[in-house]
Amino acid sequence: SFEQNLTSAVKENKDCSLVLDYPSMKGSVYITYKPVQDNLKTLLT
């Protein structure tokens, strides 16, 4: 969980990935979640 700016609209996906859409600024923050399963080095890379 995290704090979200109220000017953004949230679009949730089934895999816990989110898009925070800022229509007034014509931009988006794309957030992706991955579980760590002995793949931390690969995820970091």
All heavy atoms as atom14 arrays in JSON, in Angstrom:
{
  "sequence": "SFEQNLTSAVKENKDCSLVLDYPSMKGSVYITYKPVQDNLKTLLT",
  "atom14_mask": [
    [1, 1, 1, 1, 1, 1, 0, 0, 0, 0, 0, 0, 0, 0],
    [1, 1, 1, 1, 1, 1, 1, 1, 1, 1, 1, 0, 0, 0],
    [1, 1, 1, 1, 1, 1, 1, 1, 1, 0, 0, 0, 0, 0],
    [1, 1, 1, 1, 1, 1, 1, 1, 1, 0, 0, 0, 0, 0],
    [1, 1, 1, 1, 1, 1, 1, 1, 0, 0, 0, 0, 0, 0],
    [1, 1, 1, 1, 1, 1, 1, 1, 0, 0, 0, 0, 0, 0],
    [1, 1, 1, 1, 1, 1, 1, 0, 0, 0, 0, 0, 0, 0],
    [1, 1, 1, 1, 1, 1, 0, 0, 0, 0, 0, 0, 0, 0],
    [1, 1, 1, 1, 1, 0, 0, 0, 0, 0, 0, 0, 0, 0],
    [1, 1, 1, 1, 1, 1, 1, 0, 0, 0, 0, 0, 0, 0],
    [1, 1, 1, 1, 1, 1, 1, 1, 1, 0, 0, 0, 0, 0],
    [1, 1, 1, 1, 1, 1, 1, 1, 1, 0, 0, 0, 0, 0],
    [1, 1, 1, 1, 1, 1, 1, 1, 0, 0, 0, 0, 0, 0],
    [1, 1, 1, 1, 1, 1, 1, 1, 1, 0, 0, 0, 0, 0],
    [1, 1, 1, 1, 1, 1, 1, 1, 0, 0, 0, 0, 0, 0],
    [1, 1, 1, 1, 1, 1, 0, 0, 0, 0, 0, 0, 0, 0],
    [1, 1, 1, 1, 1, 1, 0, 0, 0, 0, 0, 0, 0, 0],
    [1, 1, 1, 1, 1, 1, 1, 1, 0, 0, 0, 0, 0, 0],
    [1, 1, 1, 1, 1, 1, 1, 0, 0, 0, 0, 0, 0, 0],
    [1, 1, 1, 1, 1, 1, 1, 1, 0, 0, 0, 0, 0, 0],
    [1, 1, 1, 1, 1, 1, 1, 1, 0, 0, 0, 0, 0, 0],
    [1, 1, 1, 1, 1, 1, 1, 1, 1, 1, 1, 1, 0, 0],
    [1, 1, 1, 1, 1, 1, 1, 0, 0, 0, 0, 0, 0, 0],
    [1, 1, 1, 1, 1, 1, 0, 0, 0, 0, 0, 0, 0, 0],
    [1, 1, 1, 1, 1, 1, 1, 1, 0, 0, 0, 0, 0, 0],
    [1, 1, 1, 1, 1, 1, 1, 1, 1, 0, 0, 0, 0, 0],
    [1, 1, 1, 1, 0, 0, 0, 0, 0, 0, 0, 0, 0, 0],
    [1, 1, 1, 1, 1, 1, 0, 0, 0, 0, 0, 0, 0, 0],
    [1, 1, 1, 1, 1, 1, 1, 0, 0, 0, 0, 0, 0, 0],
    [1, 1, 1, 1, 1, 1, 1, 1, 1, 1, 1, 1, 0, 0],
    [1, 1, 1, 1, 1, 1, 1, 1, 0, 0, 0, 0, 0, 0],
    [1, 1, 1, 1, 1, 1, 1, 0, 0, 0, 0, 0, 0, 0],
    [1, 1, 1, 1, 1, 1, 1, 1, 1, 1, 1, 1, 0, 0],
    [1, 1, 1, 1, 1, 1, 1, 1, 1, 0, 0, 0, 0, 0],
    [1, 1, 1, 1, 1, 1, 1, 0, 0, 0, 0, 0, 0, 0],
    [1, 1, 1, 1, 1, 1, 1, 0, 0, 0, 0, 0, 0, 0],
    [1, 1, 1, 1, 1, 1, 1, 1, 1, 0, 0, 0, 0, 0],
    [1, 1, 1, 1, 1, 1, 1, 1, 0, 0, 0, 0, 0, 0],
    [1, 1, 1, 1, 1, 1, 1, 1, 0, 0, 0, 0, 0, 0],
    [1, 1, 1, 1, 1, 1, 1, 1, 0, 0, 0, 0, 0, 0],
    [1, 1, 1, 1, 1, 1, 1, 1, 1, 0, 0, 0, 0, 0],
    [1, 1, 1, 1, 1, 1, 1, 0, 0, 0, 0, 0, 0, 0],
    [1, 1, 1, 1, 1, 1, 1, 1, 0, 0, 0, 0, 0, 0],
    [1, 1, 1, 1, 1, 1, 1, 1, 0, 0, 0, 0, 0, 0],
    [1, 1, 1, 1, 1, 1, 1, 0, 0, 0, 0, 0, 0, 0]
  ],
  "atom14_positions": [
    [[0.86, -1.18, 0.0], [0.0, 0.0, 0.0], [0.9, 1.23, 0.0], [2.08, 1.15, 0.35], [-0.92, 0.01, 1.22], [-0.17, 0.13, 2.4], [0.0, 0.0, 0.0], [0.0, 0.0, 0.0], [0.0, 0.0, 0.0], [0.0, 0.0, 0.0], [0.0, 0.0, 0.0], [0.0, 0.0, 0.0], [0.0, 0.0, 0.0], [0.0, 0.0, 0.0]],
    [[0.36, 2.36, -0.4], [1.1, 3.62, -0.39], [0.11, 4.76, -0.46], [-1.09, 4.56, -0.71], [2.12, 3.69, -1.53], [1.51, 3.59, -2.91], [1.01, 4.7, -3.57], [1.44, 2.35, -3.54], [0.45, 4.59, -4.82], [0.89, 2.24, -4.81], [0.39, 3.36, -5.45], [0.0, 0.0, 0.0], [0.0, 0.0, 0.0], [0.0, 0.0, 0.0]],
    [[0.61, 5.98, -0.27], [-0.23, 7.16, -0.38], [-0.24, 7.65, -1.82], [0.81, 7.8, -2.44], [0.25, 8.25, 0.57], [0.01, 7.91, 2.02], [0.39, 9.02, 2.97], [0.75, 10.13, 2.51], [0.33, 8.78, 4.18], [0.0, 0.0, 0.0], [0.0, 0.0, 0.0], [0.0, 0.0, 0.0], [0.0, 0.0, 0.0], [0.0, 0.0, 0.0]],
    [[-1.45, 7.92, -2.29], [-1.67, 8.34, -3.67], [-2.15, 9.78, -3.7], [-2.93, 10.2, -2.86], [-2.75, 7.42, -4.27], [-3.41, 7.95, -5.5], [-4.87, 7.53, -5.62], [-5.37, 6.74, -4.83], [-5.55, 8.05, -6.61], [0.0, 0.0, 0.0], [0.0, 0.0, 0.0], [0.0, 0.0, 0.0], [0.0, 0.0, 0.0], [0.0, 0.0, 0.0]],
    [[-1.67, 10.55, -4.68], [-2.12, 11.92, -4.88], [-3.57, 11.89, -5.35], [-3.94, 11.11, -6.23], [-1.24, 12.61, -5.93], [-1.51, 14.08, -6.05], [-2.61, 14.57, -5.82], [-0.47, 14.82, -6.42], [0.0, 0.0, 0.0], [0.0, 0.0, 0.0], [0.0, 0.0, 0.0], [0.0, 0.0, 0.0], [0.0, 0.0, 0.0], [0.0, 0.0, 0.0]],
    [[-4.42, 12.72, -4.76], [-5.84, 12.73, -5.1], [-6.12, 13.21, -6.52], [-7.2, 12.97, -7.05], [-6.62, 13.59, -4.09], [-6.67, 13.07, -2.67], [-7.39, 14.04, -1.76], [-7.33, 11.7, -2.61], [0.0, 0.0, 0.0], [0.0, 0.0, 0.0], [0.0, 0.0, 0.0], [0.0, 0.0, 0.0], [0.0, 0.0, 0.0], [0.0, 0.0, 0.0]],
    [[-5.14, 13.87, -7.16], [-5.35, 14.3, -8.54], [-5.17, 13.16, -9.53], [-5.46, 13.31, -10.7], [-4.39, 15.45, -8.93], [-3.04, 14.98, -8.83], [-4.6, 16.66, -8.06], [0.0, 0.0, 0.0], [0.0, 0.0, 0.0], [0.0, 0.0, 0.0], [0.0, 0.0, 0.0], [0.0, 0.0, 0.0], [0.0, 0.0, 0.0], [0.0, 0.0, 0.0]],
    [[-4.71, 12.02, -9.06], [-4.51, 10.88, -9.96], [-5.7, 9.93, -9.91], [-6.37, 9.81, -8.9], [-3.23, 10.12, -9.59], [-3.37, 9.5, -8.33], [0.0, 0.0, 0.0], [0.0, 0.0, 0.0], [0.0, 0.0, 0.0], [0.0, 0.0, 0.0], [0.0, 0.0, 0.0], [0.0, 0.0, 0.0], [0.0, 0.0, 0.0], [0.0, 0.0, 0.0]],
    [[-5.93, 9.28, -11.03], [-6.96, 8.24, -11.12], [-6.25, 6.9, -11.19], [-5.29, 6.73, -11.94], [-7.81, 8.45, -12.36], [0.0, 0.0, 0.0], [0.0, 0.0, 0.0], [0.0, 0.0, 0.0], [0.0, 0.0, 0.0], [0.0, 0.0, 0.0], [0.0, 0.0, 0.0], [0.0, 0.0, 0.0], [0.0, 0.0, 0.0], [0.0, 0.0, 0.0]],
    [[-6.72, 5.93, -10.42], [-6.05, 4.63, -10.33], [-6.75, 3.62, -11.23], [-7.97, 3.5, -11.22], [-6.06, 4.1, -8.88], [-5.39, 2.74, -8.8], [-5.4, 5.08, -7.96], [0.0, 0.0, 0.0], [0.0, 0.0, 0.0], [0.0, 0.0, 0.0], [0.0, 0.0, 0.0], [0.0, 0.0, 0.0], [0.0, 0.0, 0.0], [0.0, 0.0, 0.0]],
    [[-5.93, 2.91, -12.0], [-6.42, 1.78, -12.79], [-5.69, 0.55, -12.28], [-4.47, 0.46, -12.39], [-6.14, 1.99, -14.28], [-6.82, 3.2, -14.87], [-6.38, 3.43, -16.29], [-6.91, 4.75, -16.81], [-6.32, 5.12, -18.1], [0.0, 0.0, 0.0], [0.0, 0.0, 0.0], [0.0, 0.0, 0.0], [0.0, 0.0, 0.0], [0.0, 0.0, 0.0]],
    [[-6.44, -0.39, -11.71], [-5.83, -1.59, -11.13], [-5.92, -2.75, -12.1], [-6.92, -2.93, -12.79], [-6.56, -1.97, -9.83], [-6.38, -0.98, -8.71], [-7.07, -1.43, -7.44], [-6.92, -2.62, -7.07], [-7.74, -0.61, -6.83], [0.0, 0.0, 0.0], [0.0, 0.0, 0.0], [0.0, 0.0, 0.0], [0.0, 0.0, 0.0], [0.0, 0.0, 0.0]],
    [[-4.88, -3.58, -12.11], [-4.85, -4.82, -12.88], [-4.89, -6.0, -11.92], [-4.61, -5.86, -10.73], [-3.6, -4.89, -13.76], [-3.59, -3.8, -14.81], [-4.63, -3.43, -15.34], [-2.42, -3.3, -15.11], [0.0, 0.0, 0.0], [0.0, 0.0, 0.0], [0.0, 0.0, 0.0], [0.0, 0.0, 0.0], [0.0, 0.0, 0.0], [0.0, 0.0, 0.0]],
    [[-5.2, -7.16, -12.43], [-5.33, -8.35, -11.58], [-4.02, -8.74, -10.92], [-4.0, -9.28, -9.84], [-5.85, -9.52, -12.42], [-7.25, -9.34, -12.91], [-7.67, -10.49, -13.79], [-9.01, -10.22, -14.44], [-9.38, -11.25, -15.39], [0.0, 0.0, 0.0], [0.0, 0.0, 0.0], [0.0, 0.0, 0.0], [0.0, 0.0, 0.0], [0.0, 0.0, 0.0]],
    [[-2.9, -8.46, -11.56], [-1.6, -8.9, -11.04], [-0.97, -7.88, -10.09], [0.23, -7.9, -9.86], [-0.65, -9.2, -12.2], [-0.35, -7.98, -13.05], [-0.99, -6.92, -12.84], [0.53, -8.07, -13.92], [0.0, 0.0, 0.0], [0.0, 0.0, 0.0], [0.0, 0.0, 0.0], [0.0, 0.0, 0.0], [0.0, 0.0, 0.0], [0.0, 0.0, 0.0]],
    [[-1.78, -6.98, -9.53], [-1.33, -5.94, -8.6], [-0.46, -4.87, -9.27], [0.27, -4.15, -8.59], [-0.63, -6.52, -7.38], [-1.81, -7.3, -6.26], [0.0, 0.0, 0.0], [0.0, 0.0, 0.0], [0.0, 0.0, 0.0], [0.0, 0.0, 0.0], [0.0, 0.0, 0.0], [0.0, 0.0, 0.0], [0.0, 0.0, 0.0], [0.0, 0.0, 0.0]],
    [[-0.53, -4.78, -10.58], [0.09, -3.66, -11.28], [-0.93, -2.54, -11.36], [-2.12, -2.79, -11.48], [0.53, -4.09, -12.68], [1.53, -5.08, -12.59], [0.0, 0.0, 0.0], [0.0, 0.0, 0.0], [0.0, 0.0, 0.0], [0.0, 0.0, 0.0], [0.0, 0.0, 0.0], [0.0, 0.0, 0.0], [0.0, 0.0, 0.0], [0.0, 0.0, 0.0]],
    [[-0.46, -1.31, -11.26], [-1.34, -0.15, -11.25], [-0.89, 0.89, -12.25], [0.29, 0.94, -12.61], [-1.32, 0.51, -9.86], [-1.59, -0.32, -8.63], [-1.27, 0.49, -7.38], [-3.04, -0.75, -8.6], [0.0, 0.0, 0.0], [0.0, 0.0, 0.0], [0.0, 0.0, 0.0], [0.0, 0.0, 0.0], [0.0, 0.0, 0.0], [0.0, 0.0, 0.0]],
    [[-1.82, 1.72, -12.65], [-1.5, 2.91, -13.42], [-2.12, 4.09, -12.67], [-3.32, 4.09, -12.41], [-2.06, 2.85, -14.86], [-1.75, 4.14, -15.6], [-1.51, 1.65, -15.6], [0.0, 0.0, 0.0], [0.0, 0.0, 0.0], [0.0, 0.0, 0.0], [0.0, 0.0, 0.0], [0.0, 0.0, 0.0], [0.0, 0.0, 0.0], [0.0, 0.0, 0.0]],
    [[-1.28, 5.04, -12.3], [-1.76, 6.29, -11.71], [-1.79, 7.31, -12.84], [-0.75, 7.75, -13.31], [-0.83, 6.76, -10.59], [-0.65, 5.82, -9.41], [0.35, 6.4, -8.43], [-1.97, 5.57, -8.72], [0.0, 0.0, 0.0], [0.0, 0.0, 0.0], [0.0, 0.0, 0.0], [0.0, 0.0, 0.0], [0.0, 0.0, 0.0], [0.0, 0.0, 0.0]],
    [[-2.98, 7.65, -13.27], [-3.16, 8.53, -14.42], [-3.38, 9.97, -13.94], [-4.2, 10.2, -13.05], [-4.35, 8.05, -15.25], [-4.44, 8.75, -16.58], [-3.39, 9.04, -17.17], [-5.58, 9.02, -17.02], [0.0, 0.0, 0.0], [0.0, 0.0, 0.0], [0.0, 0.0, 0.0], [0.0, 0.0, 0.0], [0.0, 0.0, 0.0], [0.0, 0.0, 0.0]],
    [[-2.64, 10.91, -14.52], [-2.75, 12.33, -14.2], [-3.22, 13.04, -15.47], [-2.41, 13.56, -16.24], [-1.39, 12.89, -13.77], [-0.87, 12.3, -12.49], [-0.2, 11.07, -12.48], [-1.0, 12.97, -11.29], [0.29, 10.53, -11.31], [-0.51, 12.45, -10.11], [0.13, 11.23, -10.13], [0.63, 10.7, -8.96], [0.0, 0.0, 0.0], [0.0, 0.0, 0.0]],
    [[-4.54, 13.07, -15.71], [-5.03, 13.62, -16.98], [-4.7, 15.1, -17.19], [-4.44, 15.51, -18.32], [-6.55, 13.4, -16.93], [-6.87, 12.88, -15.59], [-5.6, 12.57, -14.87], [0.0, 0.0, 0.0], [0.0, 0.0, 0.0], [0.0, 0.0, 0.0], [0.0, 0.0, 0.0], [0.0, 0.0, 0.0], [0.0, 0.0, 0.0], [0.0, 0.0, 0.0]],
    [[-4.68, 15.9, -16.12], [-4.39, 17.32, -16.29], [-2.94, 17.57, -16.72], [-2.64, 18.61, -17.29], [-4.69, 18.08, -15.0], [-3.84, 17.64, -13.97], [0.0, 0.0, 0.0], [0.0, 0.0, 0.0], [0.0, 0.0, 0.0], [0.0, 0.0, 0.0], [0.0, 0.0, 0.0], [0.0, 0.0, 0.0], [0.0, 0.0, 0.0], [0.0, 0.0, 0.0]],
    [[-2.06, 16.61, -16.45], [-0.65, 16.75, -16.82], [-0.29, 15.86, -18.0], [0.86, 15.83, -18.43], [0.23, 16.41, -15.62], [0.09, 17.42, -14.53], [1.02, 16.92, -13.1], [-0.12, 17.38, -11.83], [0.0, 0.0, 0.0], [0.0, 0.0, 0.0], [0.0, 0.0, 0.0], [0.0, 0.0, 0.0], [0.0, 0.0, 0.0], [0.0, 0.0, 0.0]],
    [[-1.27, 15.11, -18.47], [-1.07, 14.21, -19.6], [0.09, 13.25, -19.36], [0.97, 13.09, -20.19], [-0.89, 14.99, -20.89], [-2.11, 15.81, -21.22], [-2.02, 16.51, -22.53], [-3.33, 17.23, -22.75], [-3.33, 18.16, -23.8], [0.0, 0.0, 0.0], [0.0, 0.0, 0.0], [0.0, 0.0, 0.0], [0.0, 0.0, 0.0], [0.0, 0.0, 0.0]],
    [[0.07, 12.64, -18.17], [1.11, 11.69, -17.82], [0.57, 10.59, -16.93], [-0.54, 10.69, -16.39], [0.0, 0.0, 0.0], [0.0, 0.0, 0.0], [0.0, 0.0, 0.0], [0.0, 0.0, 0.0], [0.0, 0.0, 0.0], [0.0, 0.0, 0.0], [0.0, 0.0, 0.0], [0.0, 0.0, 0.0], [0.0, 0.0, 0.0], [0.0, 0.0, 0.0]],
    [[1.35, 9.52, -16.81], [0.96, 8.38, -15.99], [2.19, 7.79, -15.33], [3.29, 7.81, -15.89], [0.3, 7.29, -16.83], [-0.92, 7.74, -17.37], [0.0, 0.0, 0.0], [0.0, 0.0, 0.0], [0.0, 0.0, 0.0], [0.0, 0.0, 0.0], [0.0, 0.0, 0.0], [0.0, 0.0, 0.0], [0.0, 0.0, 0.0], [0.0, 0.0, 0.0]],
    [[1.97, 7.25, -14.13], [2.99, 6.48, -13.43], [2.54, 5.02, -13.48], [1.46, 4.69, -13.0], [3.16, 6.95, -11.97], [4.18, 6.07, -11.25], [3.59, 8.41, -11.93], [0.0, 0.0, 0.0], [0.0, 0.0, 0.0], [0.0, 0.0, 0.0], [0.0, 0.0, 0.0], [0.0, 0.0, 0.0], [0.0, 0.0, 0.0], [0.0, 0.0, 0.0]],
    [[3.35, 4.19, -14.1], [3.05, 2.76, -14.24], [3.8, 2.02, -13.14], [5.02, 2.12, -13.03], [3.49, 2.26, -15.61], [2.7, 2.88, -16.73], [3.06, 4.1, -17.28], [1.56, 2.25, -17.22], [2.33, 4.68, -18.3], [0.81, 2.82, -18.24], [1.21, 4.03, -18.77], [0.47, 4.61, -19.78], [0.0, 0.0, 0.0], [0.0, 0.0, 0.0]],
    [[3.06, 1.26, -12.34], [3.63, 0.53, -11.21], [3.41, -0.95, -11.43], [2.29, -1.38, -11.73], [2.99, 0.98, -9.88], [3.3, 2.47, -9.66], [3.5, 0.14, -8.72], [2.62, 3.08, -8.47], [0.0, 0.0, 0.0], [0.0, 0.0, 0.0], [0.0, 0.0, 0.0], [0.0, 0.0, 0.0], [0.0, 0.0, 0.0], [0.0, 0.0, 0.0]],
    [[4.48, -1.73, -11.3], [4.43, -3.18, -11.53], [4.91, -3.9, -10.28], [5.92, -3.53, -9.69], [5.33, -3.57, -12.72], [4.94, -2.8, -13.85], [5.22, -5.03, -13.04], [0.0, 0.0, 0.0], [0.0, 0.0, 0.0], [0.0, 0.0, 0.0], [0.0, 0.0, 0.0], [0.0, 0.0, 0.0], [0.0, 0.0, 0.0], [0.0, 0.0, 0.0]],
    [[4.17, -4.94, -9.9], [4.54, -5.75, -8.74], [4.99, -7.13, -9.21], [4.37, -7.73, -10.09], [3.35, -5.91, -7.79], [3.63, -6.89, -6.67], [4.38, -6.5, -5.58], [3.18, -8.2, -6.74], [4.67, -7.4, -4.56], [3.46, -9.11, -5.73], [4.2, -8.7, -4.64], [4.49, -9.59, -3.64], [0.0, 0.0, 0.0], [0.0, 0.0, 0.0]],
    [[6.07, -7.62, -8.6], [6.55, -8.99, -8.85], [6.93, -9.61, -7.51], [7.6, -8.97, -6.7], [7.8, -8.98, -9.74], [7.62, -8.27, -11.05], [7.54, -9.25, -12.16], [7.46, -8.45, -13.46], [6.95, -9.1, -14.53], [0.0, 0.0, 0.0], [0.0, 0.0, 0.0], [0.0, 0.0, 0.0], [0.0, 0.0, 0.0], [0.0, 0.0, 0.0]],
    [[6.52, -10.84, -7.28], [6.98, -11.51, -6.07], [8.43, -11.95, -6.23], [8.88, -12.28, -7.32], [6.05, -12.72, -5.96], [5.55, -12.96, -7.33], [5.56, -11.63, -8.03], [0.0, 0.0, 0.0], [0.0, 0.0, 0.0], [0.0, 0.0, 0.0], [0.0, 0.0, 0.0], [0.0, 0.0, 0.0], [0.0, 0.0, 0.0], [0.0, 0.0, 0.0]],
    [[9.17, -11.9, -5.13], [10.56, -12.37, -5.14], [10.54, -13.86, -4.85], [10.04, -14.29, -3.81], [11.41, -11.61, -4.11], [12.82, -12.2, -4.03], [11.46, -10.13, -4.44], [0.0, 0.0, 0.0], [0.0, 0.0, 0.0], [0.0, 0.0, 0.0], [0.0, 0.0, 0.0], [0.0, 0.0, 0.0], [0.0, 0.0, 0.0], [0.0, 0.0, 0.0]],
    [[11.07, -14.64, -5.79], [11.12, -16.1, -5.64], [12.48, -16.59, -6.13], [12.59, -17.13, -7.22], [10.0, -16.76, -6.45], [8.62, -16.31, -6.0], [7.53, -16.71, -6.98], [7.76, -16.92, -8.16], [6.31, -16.8, -6.46], [0.0, 0.0, 0.0], [0.0, 0.0, 0.0], [0.0, 0.0, 0.0], [0.0, 0.0, 0.0], [0.0, 0.0, 0.0]],
    [[13.5, -16.33, -5.34], [14.88, -16.66, -5.72], [15.28, -15.98, -7.03], [16.11, -16.5, -7.78], [15.08, -18.17, -5.84], [14.97, -18.89, -4.51], [15.34, -18.27, -3.49], [14.5, -20.04, -4.48], [0.0, 0.0, 0.0], [0.0, 0.0, 0.0], [0.0, 0.0, 0.0], [0.0, 0.0, 0.0], [0.0, 0.0, 0.0], [0.0, 0.0, 0.0]],
    [[14.69, -14.81, -7.32], [15.0, -14.1, -8.56], [15.31, -12.62, -8.3], [15.2, -11.8, -9.21], [13.82, -14.21, -9.53], [12.52, -13.65, -8.97], [12.42, -13.37, -7.79], [11.53, -13.5, -9.84], [0.0, 0.0, 0.0], [0.0, 0.0, 0.0], [0.0, 0.0, 0.0], [0.0, 0.0, 0.0], [0.0, 0.0, 0.0], [0.0, 0.0, 0.0]],
    [[15.72, -12.28, -7.09], [15.97, -10.89, -6.75], [17.05, -10.28, -7.63], [16.9, -9.15, -8.11], [16.35, -10.76, -5.27], [16.59, -9.32, -4.79], [15.34, -8.48, -4.96], [17.06, -9.31, -3.35], [0.0, 0.0, 0.0], [0.0, 0.0, 0.0], [0.0, 0.0, 0.0], [0.0, 0.0, 0.0], [0.0, 0.0, 0.0], [0.0, 0.0, 0.0]],
    [[18.11, -11.01, -7.89], [19.19, -10.48, -8.71], [18.69, -10.15, -10.12], [19.0, -9.1, -10.67], [20.35, -11.48, -8.78], [21.57, -10.94, -9.49], [22.73, -11.9, -9.42], [23.92, -11.3, -10.14], [25.08, -12.16, -10.09], [0.0, 0.0, 0.0], [0.0, 0.0, 0.0], [0.0, 0.0, 0.0], [0.0, 0.0, 0.0], [0.0, 0.0, 0.0]],
    [[17.88, -11.02, -10.69], [17.31, -10.79, -12.02], [16.38, -9.59, -12.0], [16.42, -8.75, -12.92], [16.54, -12.04, -12.51], [17.42, -13.15, -12.5], [15.98, -11.84, -13.89], [0.0, 0.0, 0.0], [0.0, 0.0, 0.0], [0.0, 0.0, 0.0], [0.0, 0.0, 0.0], [0.0, 0.0, 0.0], [0.0, 0.0, 0.0], [0.0, 0.0, 0.0]],
    [[15.53, -9.48, -10.99], [14.62, -8.34, -10.89], [15.38, -7.02, -10.77], [15.03, -6.03, -11.41], [13.68, -8.53, -9.7], [12.65, -9.65, -9.81], [11.95, -9.87, -8.47], [11.64, -9.37, -10.9], [0.0, 0.0, 0.0], [0.0, 0.0, 0.0], [0.0, 0.0, 0.0], [0.0, 0.0, 0.0], [0.0, 0.0, 0.0], [0.0, 0.0, 0.0]],
    [[16.43, -7.01, -9.95], [17.25, -5.8, -9.8], [17.94, -5.43, -11.11], [17.95, -4.26, -11.52], [18.29, -5.99, -8.7], [17.77, -5.95, -7.26], [18.83, -6.46, -6.3], [17.3, -4.57, -6.89], [0.0, 0.0, 0.0], [0.0, 0.0, 0.0], [0.0, 0.0, 0.0], [0.0, 0.0, 0.0], [0.0, 0.0, 0.0], [0.0, 0.0, 0.0]],
    [[18.5, -6.43, -11.77], [19.19, -6.19, -13.04], [18.23, -5.64, -14.08], [18.55, -4.68, -14.79], [19.84, -7.49, -13.56], [20.74, -7.97, -12.56], [20.58, -7.26, -14.86], [0.0, 0.0, 0.0], [0.0, 0.0, 0.0], [0.0, 0.0, 0.0], [0.0, 0.0, 0.0], [0.0, 0.0, 0.0], [0.0, 0.0, 0.0], [0.0, 0.0, 0.0]]
  ]
}
